Amino acid sequence: MSVQEFYSSLTNLWDQLALTESDELKAFGPYIARREQQQLVQFLMVLRIDFECLRGSILHRSPLPSVNSIVSELLAEEELD
């Protein structure tokens, strides 16, 4: 499965989970930031072994980048292989 296909599948799951969130939570900045951070870690932890080195370097970045920027980075890396 390609990175893009995998990301699309995860995004669908995250969107379904978001439907269960209250409107108050959706408007609460710290909650949104935490949710995005959790999604990034979830995404990175289930990547193929091919991306292990890149995964480690991403998790050591401060602040953590967005999932979208990481997907772009991984797509570029996938094209090189």
PDB file of N, CA and C in Angstrom:
ATOM      1  N   MET A   1       0.855  -1.174   0.000  1.00  0.00           N
ATOM      2  CA  MET A   1       0.000   0.000   0.000  1.00  0.00           C
ATOM      3  C   MET A   1       0.899   1.235   0.000  1.00  0.00           C
ATOM      4  N   SER A   2       0.571   2.189  -0.840  1.00  0.00           N
ATOM      5  CA  SER A   2       1.371   3.410  -0.914  1.00  0.00           C
ATOM      6  C   SER A   2       1.090   4.307   0.296  1.00  0.00           C
ATOM      7  N   VAL A   3       1.973   5.264   0.489  1.00  0.00           N
ATOM      8  CA  VAL A   3       1.796   6.218   1.590  1.00  0.00           C
ATOM      9  C   VAL A   3       0.482   6.970   1.416  1.00  0.00           C
ATOM     10  N   GLN A   4       0.186   7.396   0.192  1.00  0.00           N
ATOM     11  CA  GLN A   4      -1.038   8.155  -0.062  1.00  0.00           C
ATOM     12  C   GLN A   4      -2.285   7.324   0.230  1.00  0.00           C
ATOM     13  N   GLU A   5      -2.288   6.066  -0.193  1.00  0.00           N
ATOM     14  CA  GLU A   5      -3.438   5.192   0.069  1.00  0.00           C
ATOM     15  C   GLU A   5      -3.619   4.967   1.570  1.00  0.00           C
ATOM     16  N   PHE A   6      -2.506   4.739   2.241  1.00  0.00           N
ATOM     17  CA  PHE A   6      -2.548   4.510   3.680  1.00  0.00           C
ATOM     18  C   PHE A   6      -3.046   5.755   4.413  1.00  0.00           C
ATOM     19  N   TYR A   7      -2.525   6.917   4.029  1.00  0.00           N
ATOM     20  CA  TYR A   7      -2.939   8.170   4.657  1.00  0.00           C
ATOM     21  C   TYR A   7      -4.433   8.422   4.423  1.00  0.00           C
ATOM     22  N   SER A   8      -4.915   8.135   3.233  1.00  0.00           N
ATOM     23  CA  SER A   8      -6.344   8.319   2.941  1.00  0.00           C
ATOM     24  C   SER A   8      -7.210   7.426   3.825  1.00  0.00           C
ATOM     25  N   SER A   9      -6.774   6.196   4.023  1.00  0.00           N
ATOM     26  CA  SER A   9      -7.514   5.273   4.896  1.00  0.00           C
ATOM     27  C   SER A   9      -7.556   5.786   6.327  1.00  0.00           C
ATOM     28  N   LEU A  10      -6.405   6.235   6.824  1.00  0.00           N
ATOM     29  CA  LEU A  10      -6.361   6.761   8.191  1.00  0.00           C
ATOM     30  C   LEU A  10      -7.199   8.023   8.323  1.00  0.00           C
ATOM     31  N   THR A  11      -7.144   8.882   7.325  1.00  0.00           N
ATOM     32  CA  THR A  11      -7.927  10.118   7.357  1.00  0.00           C
ATOM     33  C   THR A  11      -9.415   9.812   7.451  1.00  0.00           C
ATOM     34  N   ASN A  12      -9.854   8.797   6.721  1.00  0.00           N
ATOM     35  CA  ASN A  12     -11.268   8.401   6.810  1.00  0.00           C
ATOM     36  C   ASN A  12     -11.630   7.966   8.226  1.00  0.00           C
ATOM     37  N   LEU A  13     -10.765   7.193   8.863  1.00  0.00           N
ATOM     38  CA  LEU A  13     -11.015   6.773  10.250  1.00  0.00           C
ATOM     39  C   LEU A  13     -11.042   7.971  11.191  1.00  0.00           C
ATOM     40  N   TRP A  14     -10.077   8.866  11.037  1.00  0.00           N
ATOM     41  CA  TRP A  14     -10.025  10.051  11.902  1.00  0.00           C
ATOM     42  C   TRP A  14     -11.266  10.919  11.713  1.00  0.00           C
ATOM     43  N   ASP A  15     -11.727  11.038  10.476  1.00  0.00           N
ATOM     44  CA  ASP A  15     -12.941  11.824  10.219  1.00  0.00           C
ATOM     45  C   ASP A  15     -14.157  11.198  10.895  1.00  0.00           C
ATOM     46  N   GLN A  16     -14.242   9.885  10.872  1.00  0.00           N
ATOM     47  CA  GLN A  16     -15.348   9.201  11.545  1.00  0.00           C
ATOM     48  C   GLN A  16     -15.277   9.410  13.053  1.00  0.00           C
ATOM     49  N   LEU A  17     -14.080   9.340  13.610  1.00  0.00           N
ATOM     50  CA  LEU A  17     -13.925   9.594  15.047  1.00  0.00           C
ATOM     51  C   LEU A  17     -14.295  11.027  15.399  1.00  0.00           C
ATOM     52  N   ALA A  18     -13.962  11.962  14.529  1.00  0.00           N
ATOM     53  CA  ALA A  18     -14.257  13.371  14.786  1.00  0.00           C
ATOM     54  C   ALA A  18     -15.759  13.620  14.884  1.00  0.00           C
ATOM     55  N   LEU A  19     -16.536  12.796  14.226  1.00  0.00           N
ATOM     56  CA  LEU A  19     -17.991  12.952  14.295  1.00  0.00           C
ATOM     57  C   LEU A  19     -18.524  12.721  15.706  1.00  0.00           C
ATOM     58  N   THR A  20     -17.766  12.014  16.535  1.00  0.00           N
ATOM     59  CA  THR A  20     -18.207  11.735  17.903  1.00  0.00           C
ATOM     60  C   THR A  20     -17.807  12.833  18.885  1.00  0.00           C
ATOM     61  N   GLU A  21     -17.001  13.790  18.424  1.00  0.00           N
ATOM     62  CA  GLU A  21     -16.538  14.864  19.311  1.00  0.00           C
ATOM     63  C   GLU A  21     -17.622  15.924  19.476  1.00  0.00           C
ATOM     64  N   SER A  22     -17.683  16.477  20.653  1.00  0.00           N
ATOM     65  CA  SER A  22     -18.646  17.552  20.891  1.00  0.00           C
ATOM     66  C   SER A  22     -18.169  18.832  20.211  1.00  0.00           C
ATOM     67  N   ASP A  23     -19.101  19.736  19.973  1.00  0.00           N
ATOM     68  CA  ASP A  23     -18.758  21.016  19.357  1.00  0.00           C
ATOM     69  C   ASP A  23     -17.809  21.821  20.240  1.00  0.00           C
ATOM     70  N   GLU A  24     -17.962  21.680  21.559  1.00  0.00           N
ATOM     71  CA  GLU A  24     -17.086  22.402  22.482  1.00  0.00           C
ATOM     72  C   GLU A  24     -15.635  21.950  22.316  1.00  0.00           C
ATOM     73  N   LEU A  25     -15.435  20.636  22.182  1.00  0.00           N
ATOM     74  CA  LEU A  25     -14.076  20.121  21.993  1.00  0.00           C
ATOM     75  C   LEU A  25     -13.491  20.576  20.668  1.00  0.00           C
ATOM     76  N   LYS A  26     -14.301  20.573  19.622  1.00  0.00           N
ATOM     77  CA  LYS A  26     -13.828  20.962  18.298  1.00  0.00           C
ATOM     78  C   LYS A  26     -13.371  22.416  18.263  1.00  0.00           C
ATOM     79  N   ALA A  27     -13.862  23.226  19.187  1.00  0.00           N
ATOM     80  CA  ALA A  27     -13.503  24.640  19.229  1.00  0.00           C
ATOM     81  C   ALA A  27     -12.395  24.937  20.232  1.00  0.00           C
ATOM     82  N   PHE A  28     -11.925  23.933  20.946  1.00  0.00           N
ATOM     83  CA  PHE A  28     -10.939  24.119  22.012  1.00  0.00           C
ATOM     84  C   PHE A  28      -9.539  23.895  21.449  1.00  0.00           C
ATOM     85  N   GLY A  29      -8.776  24.979  21.302  1.00  0.00           N
ATOM     86  CA  GLY A  29      -7.454  24.948  20.682  1.00  0.00           C
ATOM     87  C   GLY A  29      -6.503  23.890  21.210  1.00  0.00           C
ATOM     88  N   PRO A  30      -6.300  23.812  22.538  1.00  0.00           N
ATOM     89  CA  PRO A  30      -5.378  22.797  23.061  1.00  0.00           C
ATOM     90  C   PRO A  30      -5.801  21.366  22.724  1.00  0.00           C
ATOM     91  N   TYR A  31      -7.101  21.118  22.693  1.00  0.00           N
ATOM     92  CA  TYR A  31      -7.587  19.783  22.336  1.00  0.00           C
ATOM     93  C   TYR A  31      -7.252  19.470  20.880  1.00  0.00           C
ATOM     94  N   ILE A  32      -7.468  20.433  20.014  1.00  0.00           N
ATOM     95  CA  ILE A  32      -7.185  20.241  18.592  1.00  0.00           C
ATOM     96  C   ILE A  32      -5.702  19.972  18.376  1.00  0.00           C
ATOM     97  N   ALA A  33      -4.843  20.734  19.053  1.00  0.00           N
ATOM     98  CA  ALA A  33      -3.396  20.535  18.928  1.00  0.00           C
ATOM     99  C   ALA A  33      -2.997  19.144  19.403  1.00  0.00           C
ATOM    100  N   ARG A  34      -3.572  18.702  20.498  1.00  0.00           N
ATOM    101  CA  ARG A  34      -3.263  17.371  21.039  1.00  0.00           C
ATOM    102  C   ARG A  34      -3.750  16.272  20.099  1.00  0.00           C
ATOM    103  N   ARG A  35      -4.945  16.452  19.545  1.00  0.00           N
ATOM    104  CA  ARG A  35      -5.487  15.468  18.605  1.00  0.00           C
ATOM    105  C   ARG A  35      -4.591  15.356  17.374  1.00  0.00           C
ATOM    106  N   GLU A  36      -4.136  16.490  16.847  1.00  0.00           N
ATOM    107  CA  GLU A  36      -3.263  16.474  15.673  1.00  0.00           C
ATOM    108  C   GLU A  36      -1.933  15.803  15.984  1.00  0.00           C
ATOM    109  N   GLN A  37      -1.416  16.032  17.181  1.00  0.00           N
ATOM    110  CA  GLN A  37      -0.172  15.382  17.591  1.00  0.00           C
ATOM    111  C   GLN A  37      -0.379  13.865  17.693  1.00  0.00           C
ATOM    112  N   GLN A  38      -1.483  13.445  18.265  1.00  0.00           N
ATOM    113  CA  GLN A  38      -1.784  12.011  18.369  1.00  0.00           C
ATOM    114  C   GLN A  38      -1.926  11.377  16.989  1.00  0.00           C
ATOM    115  N   GLN A  39      -2.554  12.087  16.080  1.00  0.00           N
ATOM    116  CA  GLN A  39      -2.717  11.557  14.730  1.00  0.00           C
ATOM    117  C   GLN A  39      -1.362  11.395  14.045  1.00  0.00           C
ATOM    118  N   LEU A  40      -0.467  12.344  14.244  1.00  0.00           N
ATOM    119  CA  LEU A  40       0.872  12.239  13.666  1.00  0.00           C
ATOM    120  C   LEU A  40       1.587  11.002  14.195  1.00  0.00           C
ATOM    121  N   VAL A  41       1.552  10.805  15.497  1.00  0.00           N
ATOM    122  CA  VAL A  41       2.228   9.652  16.102  1.00  0.00           C
ATOM    123  C   VAL A  41       1.576   8.350  15.633  1.00  0.00           C
ATOM    124  N   GLN A  42       0.249   8.308  15.578  1.00  0.00           N
ATOM    125  CA  GLN A  42      -0.441   7.111  15.081  1.00  0.00           C
ATOM    126  C   GLN A  42      -0.001   6.790  13.657  1.00  0.00           C
ATOM    127  N   PHE A  43       0.049   7.795  12.834  1.00  0.00           N
ATOM    128  CA  PHE A  43       0.450   7.616  11.439  1.00  0.00           C
ATOM    129  C   PHE A  43       1.880   7.093  11.344  1.00  0.00           C
ATOM    130  N   LEU A  44       2.787   7.706  12.080  1.00  0.00           N
ATOM    131  CA  LEU A  44       4.195   7.308  12.007  1.00  0.00           C
ATOM    132  C   LEU A  44       4.433   5.903  12.544  1.00  0.00           C
ATOM    133  N   MET A  45       3.716   5.524  13.579  1.00  0.00           N
ATOM    134  CA  MET A  45       3.968   4.232  14.218  1.00  0.00           C
ATOM    135  C   MET A  45       3.552   3.037  13.362  1.00  0.00           C
ATOM    136  N   VAL A  46       2.688   3.249  12.413  1.00  0.00           N
ATOM    137  CA  VAL A  46       2.245   2.123  11.594  1.00  0.00           C
ATOM    138  C   VAL A  46       2.764   2.187  10.157  1.00  0.00           C
ATOM    139  N   LEU A  47       3.749   3.041   9.931  1.00  0.00           N
ATOM    140  CA  LEU A  47       4.373   3.100   8.609  1.00  0.00           C
ATOM    141  C   LEU A  47       5.184   1.843   8.336  1.00  0.00           C
ATOM    142  N   ARG A  48       5.402   1.579   7.076  1.00  0.00           N
ATOM    143  CA  ARG A  48       6.245   0.450   6.685  1.00  0.00           C
ATOM    144  C   ARG A  48       7.651   0.618   7.246  1.00  0.00           C
ATOM    145  N   ILE A  49       8.342  -0.491   7.397  1.00  0.00           N
ATOM    146  CA  ILE A  49       9.704  -0.513   7.932  1.00  0.00           C
ATOM    147  C   ILE A  49      10.653   0.307   7.056  1.00  0.00           C
ATOM    148  N   ASP A  50      10.313   0.492   5.797  1.00  0.00           N
ATOM    149  CA  ASP A  50      11.141   1.273   4.866  1.00  0.00           C
ATOM    150  C   ASP A  50      11.389   2.690   5.381  1.00  0.00           C
ATOM    151  N   PHE A  51      10.479   3.193   6.184  1.00  0.00           N
ATOM    152  CA  PHE A  51      10.548   4.575   6.648  1.00  0.00           C
ATOM    153  C   PHE A  51      11.035   4.696   8.091  1.00  0.00           C
ATOM    154  N   GLU A  52      11.645   3.655   8.624  1.00  0.00           N
ATOM    155  CA  GLU A  52      12.037   3.643  10.033  1.00  0.00           C
ATOM    156  C   GLU A  52      12.993   4.783  10.390  1.00  0.00           C
ATOM    157  N   CYS A  53      14.008   5.021   9.567  1.00  0.00           N
ATOM    158  CA  CYS A  53      14.970   6.094   9.859  1.00  0.00           C
ATOM    159  C   CYS A  53      14.296   7.460   9.818  1.00  0.00           C
ATOM    160  N   LEU A  54      13.460   7.656   8.819  1.00  0.00           N
ATOM    161  CA  LEU A  54      12.747   8.925   8.692  1.00  0.00           C
ATOM    162  C   LEU A  54      11.786   9.122   9.862  1.00  0.00           C
ATOM    163  N   ARG A  55      11.130   8.049  10.284  1.00  0.00           N
ATOM    164  CA  ARG A  55      10.213   8.105  11.434  1.00  0.00           C
ATOM    165  C   ARG A  55      10.939   8.619  12.672  1.00  0.00           C
ATOM    166  N   GLY A  56      12.110   8.051  12.935  1.00  0.00           N
ATOM    167  CA  GLY A  56      12.880   8.465  14.104  1.00  0.00           C
ATOM    168  C   GLY A  56      13.264   9.926  14.058  1.00  0.00           C
ATOM    169  N   SER A  57      13.694  10.385  12.897  1.00  0.00           N
ATOM    170  CA  SER A  57      14.099  11.793  12.794  1.00  0.00           C
ATOM    171  C   SER A  57      12.905  12.731  12.954  1.00  0.00           C
ATOM    172  N   ILE A  58      11.750  12.325  12.461  1.00  0.00           N
ATOM    173  CA  ILE A  58      10.546  13.153  12.591  1.00  0.00           C
ATOM    174  C   ILE A  58      10.127  13.270  14.050  1.00  0.00           C
ATOM    175  N   LEU A  59      10.160  12.158  14.771  1.00  0.00           N
ATOM    176  CA  LEU A  59       9.727  12.171  16.173  1.00  0.00           C
ATOM    177  C   LEU A  59      10.660  12.972  17.071  1.00  0.00           C
ATOM    178  N   HIS A  60      11.877  13.231  16.606  1.00  0.00           N
ATOM    179  CA  HIS A  60      12.816  14.023  17.401  1.00  0.00           C
ATOM    180  C   HIS A  60      12.764  15.513  17.062  1.00  0.00           C
ATOM    181  N   ARG A  61      11.921  15.895  16.133  1.00  0.00           N
ATOM    182  CA  ARG A  61      11.804  17.311  15.771  1.00  0.00           C
ATOM    183  C   ARG A  61      10.987  18.044  16.831  1.00  0.00           C
ATOM    184  N   SER A  62      11.366  19.276  17.024  1.00  0.00           N
ATOM    185  CA  SER A  62      10.627  20.094  17.980  1.00  0.00           C
ATOM    186  C   SER A  62      10.432  21.480  17.377  1.00  0.00           C
ATOM    187  N   PRO A  63       9.222  21.906  17.218  1.00  0.00           N
ATOM    188  CA  PRO A  63       7.972  21.200  17.494  1.00  0.00           C
ATOM    189  C   PRO A  63       7.716  20.136  16.424  1.00  0.00           C
ATOM    190  N   LEU A  64       6.818  19.217  16.748  1.00  0.00           N
ATOM    191  CA  LEU A  64       6.454  18.184  15.781  1.00  0.00           C
ATOM    192  C   LEU A  64       5.758  18.838  14.584  1.00  0.00           C
ATOM    193  N   PRO A  65       6.088  18.390  13.385  1.00  0.00           N
ATOM    194  CA  PRO A  65       5.429  18.949  12.196  1.00  0.00           C
ATOM    195  C   PRO A  65       3.995  18.436  12.070  1.00  0.00           C
ATOM    196  N   SER A  66       3.276  19.005  11.133  1.00  0.00           N
ATOM    197  CA  SER A  66       1.899  18.551  10.892  1.00  0.00           C
ATOM    198  C   SER A  66       1.913  17.238  10.119  1.00  0.00           C
ATOM    199  N   VAL A  67       0.819  16.518  10.202  1.00  0.00           N
ATOM    200  CA  VAL A  67       0.697  15.260   9.465  1.00  0.00           C
ATOM    201  C   VAL A  67       0.814  15.534   7.961  1.00  0.00           C
ATOM    202  N   ASN A  68       0.190  16.607   7.496  1.00  0.00           N
ATOM    203  CA  ASN A  68       0.224  16.913   6.063  1.00  0.00           C
ATOM    204  C   ASN A  68       1.640  17.148   5.561  1.00  0.00           C
ATOM    205  N   SER A  69       2.455  17.859   6.332  1.00  0.00           N
ATOM    206  CA  SER A  69       3.831  18.100   5.893  1.00  0.00           C
ATOM    207  C   SER A  69       4.637  16.807   5.887  1.00  0.00           C
ATOM    208  N   ILE A  70       4.367  15.926   6.833  1.00  0.00           N
ATOM    209  CA  ILE A  70       5.065  14.640   6.884  1.00  0.00           C
ATOM    210  C   ILE A  70       4.641  13.755   5.719  1.00  0.00           C
ATOM    211  N   VAL A  71       3.363  13.762   5.384  1.00  0.00           N
ATOM    212  CA  VAL A  71       2.896  12.972   4.247  1.00  0.00           C
ATOM    213  C   VAL A  71       3.600  13.444   2.974  1.00  0.00           C
ATOM    214  N   SER A  72       3.720  14.746   2.794  1.00  0.00           N
ATOM    215  CA  SER A  72       4.427  15.280   1.625  1.00  0.00           C
ATOM    216  C   SER A  72       5.872  14.808   1.599  1.00  0.00           C
ATOM    217  N   GLU A  73       6.511  14.848   2.747  1.00  0.00           N
ATOM    218  CA  GLU A  73       7.897  14.395   2.862  1.00  0.00           C
ATOM    219  C   GLU A  73       8.017  12.903   2.533  1.00  0.00           C
ATOM    220  N   LEU A  74       7.106  12.111   3.035  1.00  0.00           N
ATOM    221  CA  LEU A  74       7.133  10.669   2.784  1.00  0.00           C
ATOM    222  C   LEU A  74       6.829  10.339   1.325  1.00  0.00           C
ATOM    223  N   LEU A  75       5.934  11.095   0.720  1.00  0.00           N
ATOM    224  CA  LEU A  75       5.632  10.876  -0.694  1.00  0.00           C
ATOM    225  C   LEU A  75       6.862  11.150  -1.553  1.00  0.00           C
ATOM    226  N   ALA A  76       7.590  12.208  -1.216  1.00  0.00           N
ATOM    227  CA  ALA A  76       8.826  12.513  -1.944  1.00  0.00           C
ATOM    228  C   ALA A  76       9.844  11.394  -1.756  1.00  0.00           C
ATOM    229  N   GLU A  77       9.958  10.887  -0.542  1.00  0.00           N
ATOM    230  CA  GLU A  77      10.881   9.786  -0.247  1.00  0.00           C
ATOM    231  C   GLU A  77      10.456   8.518  -0.984  1.00  0.00           C
ATOM    232  N   GLU A  78       9.163   8.269  -1.035  1.00  0.00           N
ATOM    233  CA  GLU A  78       8.645   7.079  -1.707  1.00  0.00           C
ATOM    234  C   GLU A  78       8.947   7.129  -3.206  1.00  0.00           C
ATOM    235  N   GLU A  79       8.868   8.325  -3.795  1.00  0.00           N
ATOM    236  CA  GLU A  79       9.157   8.478  -5.218  1.00  0.00           C
ATOM    237  C   GLU A  79      10.623   8.193  -5.526  1.00  0.00           C
ATOM    238  N   LEU A  80      11.514   8.481  -4.577  1.00  0.00           N
ATOM    239  CA  LEU A  80      12.941   8.240  -4.780  1.00  0.00           C
ATOM    240  C   LEU A  80      13.266   6.754  -4.803  1.00  0.00           C
ATOM    241  N   ASP A  81      12.472   5.969  -4.105  1.00  0.00           N
ATOM    242  CA  ASP A  81      12.734   4.520  -4.021  1.00  0.00           C
ATOM    243  C   ASP A  81      12.257   3.777  -5.208  1.00  0.00           C
TER     244      ASP A  81
END
